[in-house]
N, C-alpha and C. Protein backbone atom coordinates (compact mmCIF):
# COMPACT_ATOMS: atom_id res chain seq x y z
N MET A 1 -11.79 -6.01 9.66
CA MET A 1 -11.66 -5.56 8.30
C MET A 1 -11.31 -6.75 7.42
N LEU A 2 -11.97 -6.87 6.28
CA LEU A 2 -11.68 -7.94 5.32
C LEU A 2 -10.78 -7.38 4.24
N ILE A 3 -9.63 -8.01 4.07
CA ILE A 3 -8.64 -7.58 3.08
C ILE A 3 -8.51 -8.66 2.03
N ALA A 4 -8.66 -8.27 0.77
CA ALA A 4 -8.42 -9.18 -0.35
C ALA A 4 -7.01 -8.90 -0.87
N MET A 5 -6.16 -9.92 -0.82
CA MET A 5 -4.79 -9.79 -1.30
C MET A 5 -4.74 -10.32 -2.72
N VAL A 6 -4.54 -9.42 -3.67
CA VAL A 6 -4.43 -9.80 -5.08
C VAL A 6 -2.97 -9.64 -5.46
N GLY A 7 -2.29 -10.75 -5.57
CA GLY A 7 -0.88 -10.68 -5.91
C GLY A 7 -0.14 -11.89 -5.41
N ASP A 8 1.15 -11.80 -5.56
CA ASP A 8 2.02 -12.88 -5.14
C ASP A 8 3.40 -12.30 -4.83
N GLY A 9 4.25 -13.11 -4.33
CA GLY A 9 5.61 -12.67 -4.04
C GLY A 9 5.81 -12.24 -2.61
N GLN A 10 7.02 -11.82 -2.33
CA GLN A 10 7.44 -11.51 -0.97
C GLN A 10 6.67 -10.33 -0.37
N LEU A 11 6.44 -9.27 -1.14
CA LEU A 11 5.72 -8.12 -0.58
C LEU A 11 4.30 -8.52 -0.18
N ALA A 12 3.62 -9.25 -1.04
CA ALA A 12 2.26 -9.70 -0.72
C ALA A 12 2.25 -10.55 0.55
N GLU A 13 3.22 -11.43 0.68
CA GLU A 13 3.30 -12.29 1.87
C GLU A 13 3.55 -11.48 3.13
N VAL A 14 4.47 -10.52 3.07
CA VAL A 14 4.78 -9.69 4.24
C VAL A 14 3.55 -8.87 4.65
N LEU A 15 2.87 -8.26 3.69
CA LEU A 15 1.70 -7.46 4.01
C LEU A 15 0.56 -8.31 4.56
N ALA A 16 0.36 -9.49 4.01
CA ALA A 16 -0.69 -10.38 4.52
C ALA A 16 -0.40 -10.81 5.95
N ARG A 17 0.84 -11.20 6.23
CA ARG A 17 1.20 -11.60 7.61
C ARG A 17 1.01 -10.44 8.58
N ALA A 18 1.45 -9.25 8.18
CA ALA A 18 1.35 -8.09 9.05
C ALA A 18 -0.12 -7.73 9.31
N ALA A 19 -0.96 -7.82 8.29
CA ALA A 19 -2.39 -7.53 8.46
C ALA A 19 -3.04 -8.56 9.39
N GLU A 20 -2.71 -9.81 9.21
CA GLU A 20 -3.26 -10.86 10.08
C GLU A 20 -2.80 -10.66 11.52
N ARG A 21 -1.54 -10.32 11.70
CA ARG A 21 -1.01 -10.07 13.05
C ARG A 21 -1.74 -8.88 13.69
N ALA A 22 -2.22 -7.95 12.84
CA ALA A 22 -2.96 -6.78 13.33
C ALA A 22 -4.44 -7.09 13.56
N GLY A 23 -4.82 -8.36 13.38
CA GLY A 23 -6.19 -8.77 13.65
C GLY A 23 -7.14 -8.67 12.47
N GLN A 24 -6.60 -8.44 11.28
CA GLN A 24 -7.44 -8.34 10.09
C GLN A 24 -7.61 -9.72 9.45
N THR A 25 -8.68 -9.89 8.69
CA THR A 25 -8.92 -11.12 7.94
C THR A 25 -8.40 -10.91 6.53
N VAL A 26 -7.51 -11.79 6.09
CA VAL A 26 -6.92 -11.69 4.76
C VAL A 26 -7.35 -12.89 3.94
N VAL A 27 -7.88 -12.60 2.76
CA VAL A 27 -8.27 -13.63 1.81
C VAL A 27 -7.37 -13.47 0.59
N TRP A 28 -6.68 -14.55 0.25
CA TRP A 28 -5.79 -14.52 -0.92
C TRP A 28 -6.61 -14.73 -2.17
N MET A 29 -6.40 -13.88 -3.14
CA MET A 29 -7.09 -13.99 -4.42
C MET A 29 -6.10 -14.42 -5.49
N HIS A 30 -6.58 -15.22 -6.36
CA HIS A 30 -5.80 -15.61 -7.53
C HIS A 30 -6.56 -15.09 -8.73
N SER A 31 -5.92 -14.95 -9.85
CA SER A 31 -6.52 -14.26 -10.98
C SER A 31 -7.91 -14.77 -11.32
N GLY A 32 -8.20 -16.02 -11.12
CA GLY A 32 -9.50 -16.57 -11.48
C GLY A 32 -10.62 -16.24 -10.52
N ASP A 33 -10.32 -15.93 -9.25
CA ASP A 33 -11.38 -15.70 -8.28
C ASP A 33 -11.34 -14.30 -7.66
N ALA A 34 -10.69 -13.38 -8.31
CA ALA A 34 -10.52 -12.04 -7.74
C ALA A 34 -11.83 -11.28 -7.59
N SER A 35 -12.77 -11.47 -8.50
CA SER A 35 -13.99 -10.65 -8.44
C SER A 35 -14.84 -10.96 -7.21
N ARG A 36 -14.93 -12.21 -6.81
CA ARG A 36 -15.78 -12.60 -5.68
C ARG A 36 -15.31 -11.92 -4.40
N ALA A 37 -14.07 -12.02 -4.08
CA ALA A 37 -13.59 -11.48 -2.81
C ALA A 37 -13.42 -9.97 -2.84
N THR A 38 -13.02 -9.41 -3.98
CA THR A 38 -12.86 -7.97 -4.01
C THR A 38 -14.20 -7.27 -3.85
N ARG A 39 -15.26 -7.91 -4.26
CA ARG A 39 -16.60 -7.33 -4.11
C ARG A 39 -16.98 -7.20 -2.63
N ASP A 40 -16.54 -8.15 -1.79
CA ASP A 40 -16.89 -8.16 -0.37
C ASP A 40 -15.84 -7.48 0.52
N ALA A 41 -14.67 -7.19 -0.02
CA ALA A 41 -13.56 -6.69 0.79
C ALA A 41 -13.72 -5.23 1.16
N ASP A 42 -13.22 -4.88 2.34
CA ASP A 42 -13.12 -3.49 2.75
C ASP A 42 -11.91 -2.84 2.07
N VAL A 43 -10.85 -3.63 1.95
CA VAL A 43 -9.59 -3.17 1.35
C VAL A 43 -9.10 -4.25 0.39
N VAL A 44 -8.64 -3.81 -0.77
CA VAL A 44 -8.02 -4.70 -1.74
C VAL A 44 -6.57 -4.26 -1.88
N ILE A 45 -5.63 -5.18 -1.67
CA ILE A 45 -4.22 -4.85 -1.82
C ILE A 45 -3.72 -5.51 -3.10
N LEU A 46 -3.20 -4.69 -4.01
CA LEU A 46 -2.56 -5.18 -5.23
C LEU A 46 -1.07 -5.21 -4.95
N ALA A 47 -0.49 -6.39 -4.93
CA ALA A 47 0.94 -6.51 -4.64
C ALA A 47 1.52 -7.61 -5.52
N GLY A 48 2.66 -7.35 -6.12
CA GLY A 48 3.26 -8.30 -7.05
C GLY A 48 2.82 -7.93 -8.45
N SER A 49 3.67 -7.27 -9.18
CA SER A 49 3.27 -6.58 -10.41
C SER A 49 2.61 -7.46 -11.46
N GLN A 50 3.10 -8.66 -11.72
CA GLN A 50 2.51 -9.48 -12.79
C GLN A 50 1.09 -9.90 -12.45
N MET A 51 0.89 -10.47 -11.28
CA MET A 51 -0.45 -10.93 -10.90
C MET A 51 -1.41 -9.76 -10.76
N ALA A 52 -0.96 -8.69 -10.12
CA ALA A 52 -1.82 -7.52 -9.94
C ALA A 52 -2.21 -6.93 -11.28
N SER A 53 -1.29 -6.85 -12.19
CA SER A 53 -1.60 -6.31 -13.52
C SER A 53 -2.59 -7.19 -14.26
N ARG A 54 -2.43 -8.50 -14.18
CA ARG A 54 -3.35 -9.42 -14.85
C ARG A 54 -4.76 -9.32 -14.26
N SER A 55 -4.88 -9.02 -12.98
CA SER A 55 -6.18 -8.98 -12.30
C SER A 55 -6.78 -7.59 -12.26
N LEU A 56 -6.11 -6.61 -12.82
CA LEU A 56 -6.51 -5.22 -12.69
C LEU A 56 -7.93 -4.95 -13.19
N ASP A 57 -8.28 -5.45 -14.35
CA ASP A 57 -9.63 -5.21 -14.88
C ASP A 57 -10.70 -5.78 -13.95
N THR A 58 -10.46 -6.99 -13.45
CA THR A 58 -11.41 -7.64 -12.56
C THR A 58 -11.56 -6.83 -11.28
N VAL A 59 -10.45 -6.41 -10.71
CA VAL A 59 -10.48 -5.63 -9.47
C VAL A 59 -11.22 -4.31 -9.70
N ALA A 60 -10.89 -3.62 -10.78
CA ALA A 60 -11.51 -2.33 -11.06
C ALA A 60 -13.02 -2.45 -11.21
N GLN A 61 -13.49 -3.54 -11.81
CA GLN A 61 -14.92 -3.72 -12.04
C GLN A 61 -15.67 -4.17 -10.79
N SER A 62 -15.01 -4.92 -9.92
CA SER A 62 -15.73 -5.53 -8.80
C SER A 62 -15.46 -4.89 -7.45
N ALA A 63 -14.49 -4.00 -7.34
CA ALA A 63 -14.10 -3.45 -6.04
C ALA A 63 -15.17 -2.54 -5.45
N GLY A 64 -16.01 -1.95 -6.27
CA GLY A 64 -17.07 -1.09 -5.74
C GLY A 64 -16.50 0.02 -4.88
N GLY A 65 -16.90 0.08 -3.62
CA GLY A 65 -16.42 1.11 -2.71
C GLY A 65 -15.20 0.71 -1.91
N SER A 66 -14.62 -0.43 -2.22
CA SER A 66 -13.43 -0.88 -1.49
C SER A 66 -12.27 0.08 -1.70
N VAL A 67 -11.44 0.20 -0.68
CA VAL A 67 -10.20 0.95 -0.81
C VAL A 67 -9.20 0.04 -1.52
N ILE A 68 -8.56 0.54 -2.53
CA ILE A 68 -7.56 -0.23 -3.26
C ILE A 68 -6.19 0.31 -2.91
N ILE A 69 -5.38 -0.54 -2.29
CA ILE A 69 -3.99 -0.17 -1.98
C ILE A 69 -3.14 -0.68 -3.13
N ASP A 70 -2.52 0.25 -3.84
CA ASP A 70 -1.64 -0.12 -4.93
C ASP A 70 -0.23 -0.24 -4.38
N ALA A 71 0.19 -1.49 -4.23
CA ALA A 71 1.56 -1.79 -3.80
C ALA A 71 2.23 -2.61 -4.90
N ALA A 72 1.83 -2.35 -6.13
CA ALA A 72 2.31 -3.13 -7.26
C ALA A 72 3.18 -2.26 -8.16
N ASP A 73 3.21 -2.63 -9.39
CA ASP A 73 3.93 -1.92 -10.43
C ASP A 73 3.45 -0.46 -10.47
N PRO A 74 4.38 0.50 -10.60
CA PRO A 74 3.98 1.91 -10.58
C PRO A 74 2.94 2.30 -11.64
N SER A 75 2.85 1.56 -12.70
CA SER A 75 1.90 1.93 -13.75
C SER A 75 0.48 1.45 -13.45
N VAL A 76 0.31 0.61 -12.42
CA VAL A 76 -0.99 0.02 -12.15
C VAL A 76 -2.03 1.07 -11.78
N PHE A 77 -1.71 1.97 -10.84
CA PHE A 77 -2.74 2.90 -10.38
C PHE A 77 -3.21 3.83 -11.50
N SER A 78 -2.36 4.08 -12.47
CA SER A 78 -2.78 4.96 -13.56
C SER A 78 -3.81 4.29 -14.47
N LYS A 79 -3.94 2.96 -14.37
CA LYS A 79 -4.89 2.22 -15.20
C LYS A 79 -6.24 2.02 -14.52
N LEU A 80 -6.35 2.38 -13.25
CA LEU A 80 -7.61 2.23 -12.54
C LEU A 80 -8.54 3.40 -12.86
N PRO A 81 -9.85 3.18 -12.79
CA PRO A 81 -10.78 4.28 -13.07
C PRO A 81 -10.59 5.43 -12.08
N ARG A 82 -10.88 6.64 -12.53
CA ARG A 82 -10.71 7.82 -11.67
C ARG A 82 -11.59 7.76 -10.44
N THR A 83 -12.67 6.99 -10.49
CA THR A 83 -13.58 6.88 -9.35
C THR A 83 -13.08 5.91 -8.29
N ALA A 84 -12.05 5.13 -8.61
CA ALA A 84 -11.53 4.14 -7.65
C ALA A 84 -10.91 4.85 -6.45
N ARG A 85 -11.07 4.25 -5.28
CA ARG A 85 -10.53 4.80 -4.04
C ARG A 85 -9.12 4.25 -3.84
N VAL A 86 -8.17 4.80 -4.59
CA VAL A 86 -6.81 4.26 -4.66
C VAL A 86 -5.87 5.00 -3.71
N VAL A 87 -5.07 4.21 -3.00
CA VAL A 87 -3.99 4.76 -2.18
C VAL A 87 -2.72 4.03 -2.60
N ARG A 88 -1.71 4.78 -3.00
CA ARG A 88 -0.42 4.21 -3.38
C ARG A 88 0.39 4.11 -2.10
N ALA A 89 0.81 2.88 -1.74
CA ALA A 89 1.54 2.69 -0.48
C ALA A 89 2.33 1.39 -0.52
N PHE A 90 3.30 1.27 0.33
CA PHE A 90 4.10 0.08 0.62
C PHE A 90 5.17 -0.24 -0.42
N ALA A 91 4.92 -0.08 -1.69
CA ALA A 91 5.85 -0.54 -2.72
C ALA A 91 7.18 0.19 -2.69
N SER A 92 7.20 1.42 -2.19
CA SER A 92 8.44 2.20 -2.20
C SER A 92 9.43 1.77 -1.12
N VAL A 93 8.95 1.05 -0.12
CA VAL A 93 9.79 0.66 1.01
C VAL A 93 10.38 -0.73 0.75
N PRO A 94 11.68 -0.92 0.99
CA PRO A 94 12.25 -2.25 0.78
C PRO A 94 11.50 -3.31 1.58
N VAL A 95 11.20 -4.42 0.94
CA VAL A 95 10.37 -5.46 1.56
C VAL A 95 11.03 -6.03 2.81
N ASP A 96 12.36 -6.12 2.84
CA ASP A 96 13.02 -6.63 4.04
C ASP A 96 12.83 -5.69 5.22
N ALA A 97 12.78 -4.39 4.96
CA ALA A 97 12.53 -3.42 6.03
C ALA A 97 11.10 -3.54 6.54
N LEU A 98 10.14 -3.71 5.62
CA LEU A 98 8.75 -3.92 6.03
C LEU A 98 8.62 -5.19 6.86
N ALA A 99 9.29 -6.25 6.43
CA ALA A 99 9.22 -7.52 7.16
C ALA A 99 9.77 -7.35 8.57
N ALA A 100 10.90 -6.69 8.70
CA ALA A 100 11.52 -6.50 10.02
C ALA A 100 10.68 -5.61 10.92
N ALA A 101 10.05 -4.58 10.34
CA ALA A 101 9.29 -3.61 11.13
C ALA A 101 7.93 -4.14 11.58
N THR A 102 7.45 -5.20 10.96
CA THR A 102 6.11 -5.70 11.28
C THR A 102 6.15 -6.99 12.09
N THR A 103 7.28 -7.29 12.68
CA THR A 103 7.36 -8.46 13.56
C THR A 103 7.05 -8.03 14.99
N ASP A 104 6.73 -9.00 15.83
CA ASP A 104 6.42 -8.69 17.23
C ASP A 104 7.60 -8.12 17.98
N ASP A 105 8.82 -8.43 17.54
CA ASP A 105 10.00 -7.95 18.26
C ASP A 105 10.68 -6.76 17.57
N ALA A 106 9.98 -6.06 16.69
CA ALA A 106 10.54 -4.89 16.02
C ALA A 106 10.85 -3.82 17.06
N THR A 107 11.99 -3.17 16.89
CA THR A 107 12.40 -2.13 17.84
C THR A 107 12.31 -0.73 17.25
N ASP A 108 12.45 -0.61 15.95
CA ASP A 108 12.39 0.70 15.31
C ASP A 108 11.05 0.87 14.59
N ILE A 109 10.56 2.09 14.58
CA ILE A 109 9.32 2.38 13.86
C ILE A 109 9.69 2.83 12.44
N LEU A 110 9.09 2.18 11.49
CA LEU A 110 9.34 2.48 10.08
C LEU A 110 8.25 3.40 9.56
N GLY A 111 8.65 4.48 8.93
CA GLY A 111 7.70 5.37 8.29
C GLY A 111 7.39 4.84 6.90
N VAL A 112 6.12 4.82 6.54
CA VAL A 112 5.72 4.31 5.23
C VAL A 112 4.93 5.40 4.50
N PRO A 113 5.51 5.92 3.42
CA PRO A 113 4.80 6.96 2.68
C PRO A 113 3.58 6.43 1.94
N LEU A 114 2.57 7.29 1.82
CA LEU A 114 1.37 6.94 1.07
C LEU A 114 0.87 8.18 0.34
N ALA A 115 0.15 7.94 -0.76
CA ALA A 115 -0.42 9.04 -1.54
C ALA A 115 -1.80 8.62 -2.02
N GLY A 116 -2.72 9.56 -2.05
CA GLY A 116 -4.06 9.25 -2.53
C GLY A 116 -4.92 10.50 -2.58
N ASN A 117 -5.96 10.44 -3.37
CA ASN A 117 -6.87 11.59 -3.52
C ASN A 117 -8.06 11.52 -2.57
N ASP A 118 -8.36 10.34 -2.04
CA ASP A 118 -9.53 10.13 -1.19
C ASP A 118 -9.08 10.15 0.27
N VAL A 119 -9.45 11.20 0.99
CA VAL A 119 -9.00 11.38 2.38
C VAL A 119 -9.47 10.23 3.26
N LYS A 120 -10.72 9.79 3.11
CA LYS A 120 -11.23 8.68 3.92
C LYS A 120 -10.48 7.39 3.62
N ALA A 121 -10.15 7.16 2.36
CA ALA A 121 -9.39 5.96 2.00
C ALA A 121 -8.00 6.00 2.64
N LYS A 122 -7.37 7.17 2.62
CA LYS A 122 -6.04 7.29 3.25
C LYS A 122 -6.13 7.07 4.76
N THR A 123 -7.22 7.51 5.38
CA THR A 123 -7.41 7.28 6.81
C THR A 123 -7.51 5.79 7.11
N ILE A 124 -8.21 5.05 6.27
CA ILE A 124 -8.34 3.60 6.44
C ILE A 124 -6.98 2.93 6.30
N VAL A 125 -6.22 3.34 5.29
CA VAL A 125 -4.89 2.75 5.08
C VAL A 125 -3.96 3.11 6.24
N ALA A 126 -4.03 4.35 6.70
CA ALA A 126 -3.19 4.76 7.84
C ALA A 126 -3.52 3.94 9.08
N SER A 127 -4.79 3.68 9.32
CA SER A 127 -5.20 2.85 10.46
C SER A 127 -4.65 1.44 10.32
N LEU A 128 -4.72 0.89 9.12
CA LEU A 128 -4.15 -0.44 8.88
C LEU A 128 -2.66 -0.44 9.15
N MET A 129 -1.96 0.58 8.67
CA MET A 129 -0.51 0.68 8.91
C MET A 129 -0.20 0.74 10.40
N HIS A 130 -0.95 1.56 11.14
CA HIS A 130 -0.73 1.64 12.60
C HIS A 130 -0.89 0.27 13.24
N GLY A 131 -1.92 -0.47 12.85
CA GLY A 131 -2.12 -1.80 13.39
C GLY A 131 -0.98 -2.75 13.08
N MET A 132 -0.31 -2.52 11.95
CA MET A 132 0.83 -3.35 11.55
C MET A 132 2.11 -2.95 12.26
N GLY A 133 2.06 -1.86 13.03
CA GLY A 133 3.26 -1.38 13.71
C GLY A 133 4.07 -0.41 12.86
N LEU A 134 3.45 0.16 11.84
CA LEU A 134 4.12 1.09 10.94
C LEU A 134 3.57 2.50 11.18
N GLU A 135 4.34 3.49 10.79
CA GLU A 135 3.89 4.87 10.92
C GLU A 135 3.61 5.44 9.53
N PRO A 136 2.34 5.72 9.22
CA PRO A 136 2.01 6.27 7.90
C PRO A 136 2.55 7.69 7.75
N PHE A 137 2.95 8.02 6.52
CA PHE A 137 3.45 9.35 6.21
C PHE A 137 2.79 9.80 4.92
N ASP A 138 1.83 10.69 5.02
CA ASP A 138 1.02 11.13 3.89
C ASP A 138 1.80 12.17 3.09
N VAL A 139 2.11 11.84 1.83
CA VAL A 139 2.82 12.79 0.96
C VAL A 139 1.86 13.61 0.10
N GLY A 140 0.55 13.34 0.23
CA GLY A 140 -0.43 14.13 -0.49
C GLY A 140 -1.24 13.33 -1.49
N ALA A 141 -1.65 13.99 -2.54
CA ALA A 141 -2.49 13.40 -3.57
C ALA A 141 -1.70 12.43 -4.45
N LEU A 142 -2.42 11.68 -5.27
CA LEU A 142 -1.76 10.74 -6.19
C LEU A 142 -0.78 11.44 -7.12
N ALA A 143 -0.98 12.72 -7.36
CA ALA A 143 -0.05 13.47 -8.20
C ALA A 143 1.35 13.50 -7.59
N ALA A 144 1.45 13.31 -6.27
CA ALA A 144 2.74 13.29 -5.58
C ALA A 144 3.35 11.90 -5.53
N ALA A 145 2.65 10.92 -6.09
CA ALA A 145 3.13 9.53 -6.00
C ALA A 145 4.44 9.31 -6.74
N ASP A 146 4.85 10.25 -7.59
CA ASP A 146 6.14 10.07 -8.26
C ASP A 146 7.30 10.02 -7.25
N LEU A 147 7.10 10.57 -6.07
CA LEU A 147 8.11 10.46 -5.00
C LEU A 147 8.31 9.01 -4.58
N LEU A 148 7.26 8.18 -4.77
CA LEU A 148 7.26 6.81 -4.29
C LEU A 148 7.60 5.81 -5.39
N GLU A 149 7.93 6.31 -6.57
CA GLU A 149 8.19 5.44 -7.72
C GLU A 149 9.69 5.27 -7.93
N PRO A 150 10.09 4.27 -8.72
CA PRO A 150 11.52 4.11 -9.02
C PRO A 150 12.10 5.43 -9.55
N GLY A 151 13.21 5.83 -8.95
CA GLY A 151 13.83 7.09 -9.29
C GLY A 151 13.34 8.25 -8.44
N GLY A 152 12.23 8.06 -7.72
CA GLY A 152 11.70 9.10 -6.84
C GLY A 152 12.52 9.22 -5.57
N ALA A 153 12.41 10.34 -4.91
CA ALA A 153 13.22 10.63 -3.72
C ALA A 153 13.00 9.66 -2.57
N LEU A 154 11.81 9.03 -2.50
CA LEU A 154 11.52 8.13 -1.38
C LEU A 154 11.55 6.66 -1.80
N TRP A 155 11.87 6.37 -3.05
CA TRP A 155 11.88 4.99 -3.54
C TRP A 155 13.05 4.21 -2.94
N GLY A 156 12.75 3.00 -2.46
CA GLY A 156 13.79 2.09 -2.00
C GLY A 156 14.47 2.51 -0.71
N ARG A 157 13.80 3.33 0.07
CA ARG A 157 14.41 3.84 1.30
C ARG A 157 13.59 3.41 2.50
N ALA A 158 14.28 2.94 3.52
CA ALA A 158 13.66 2.58 4.79
C ALA A 158 13.99 3.69 5.78
N LEU A 159 13.00 4.54 6.05
CA LEU A 159 13.23 5.72 6.87
C LEU A 159 12.29 5.75 8.06
N THR A 160 12.75 6.37 9.13
CA THR A 160 11.88 6.61 10.28
C THR A 160 10.95 7.77 9.91
N PRO A 161 9.91 7.99 10.67
CA PRO A 161 9.04 9.14 10.39
C PRO A 161 9.79 10.47 10.38
N ILE A 162 10.72 10.65 11.28
CA ILE A 162 11.49 11.89 11.33
C ILE A 162 12.37 12.03 10.09
N GLU A 163 12.99 10.93 9.67
CA GLU A 163 13.81 10.97 8.46
C GLU A 163 12.96 11.28 7.22
N LEU A 164 11.74 10.74 7.18
CA LEU A 164 10.83 11.07 6.08
C LEU A 164 10.50 12.56 6.08
N LEU A 165 10.21 13.10 7.25
CA LEU A 165 9.89 14.52 7.37
C LEU A 165 11.08 15.38 6.90
N GLU A 166 12.28 14.99 7.31
CA GLU A 166 13.48 15.71 6.89
C GLU A 166 13.66 15.63 5.38
N GLN A 167 13.45 14.44 4.80
CA GLN A 167 13.62 14.26 3.37
C GLN A 167 12.61 15.09 2.59
N VAL A 168 11.36 15.10 3.01
CA VAL A 168 10.34 15.89 2.33
C VAL A 168 10.60 17.39 2.52
N GLY A 169 11.10 17.77 3.68
CA GLY A 169 11.47 19.17 3.92
C GLY A 169 12.57 19.62 2.99
N GLU A 170 13.56 18.76 2.75
CA GLU A 170 14.63 19.09 1.80
C GLU A 170 14.08 19.24 0.39
N LEU A 171 13.13 18.37 0.01
CA LEU A 171 12.54 18.44 -1.32
C LEU A 171 11.77 19.73 -1.54
N SER A 172 11.13 20.22 -0.47
CA SER A 172 10.32 21.43 -0.59
C SER A 172 11.15 22.71 -0.40
N GLY A 173 12.42 22.56 -0.06
CA GLY A 173 13.27 23.72 0.17
C GLY A 173 13.24 24.20 1.61
N ASP A 174 12.54 23.45 2.47
CA ASP A 174 12.44 23.84 3.88
C ASP A 174 13.49 23.17 4.75
N GLY A 175 14.30 22.28 4.17
CA GLY A 175 15.19 21.48 4.98
C GLY A 175 16.57 21.93 5.09
């Protein structure tokens, strides 16, 4: 799988290392060359709010059928066209927890919530997460992404899959 990393900062670095460790090819994009690689990529990861926001128009125009993982500023996915294959993931989990969970010597499995409207796109992202040593936790459509945003019930929390299930059960009144 070819992954175009559009962004900068610690989260982008952690995700790129984890993807490479999972056997994926990662190409780093900078604002000036984002269109070339996003056009060829299977997955485009937007990480690091300033760079991702600056490159948003280019990514939206050139991504074509690529899956776009929004791990950037919460307002980014709302600016992408409705036809984009967007999955909101990774940004809600503390970066230090992601870094620890994606090393070769990780002992605990970290649950990572994701939201998206495209079932096939979510399947691709879930497969990528599994390869990284993470356990995907689907919270539903993009309309549920508010759970993953600042102030949301799952924002800034490093939880196991069981803890995620318990947390979502409490939110729904089943817990």
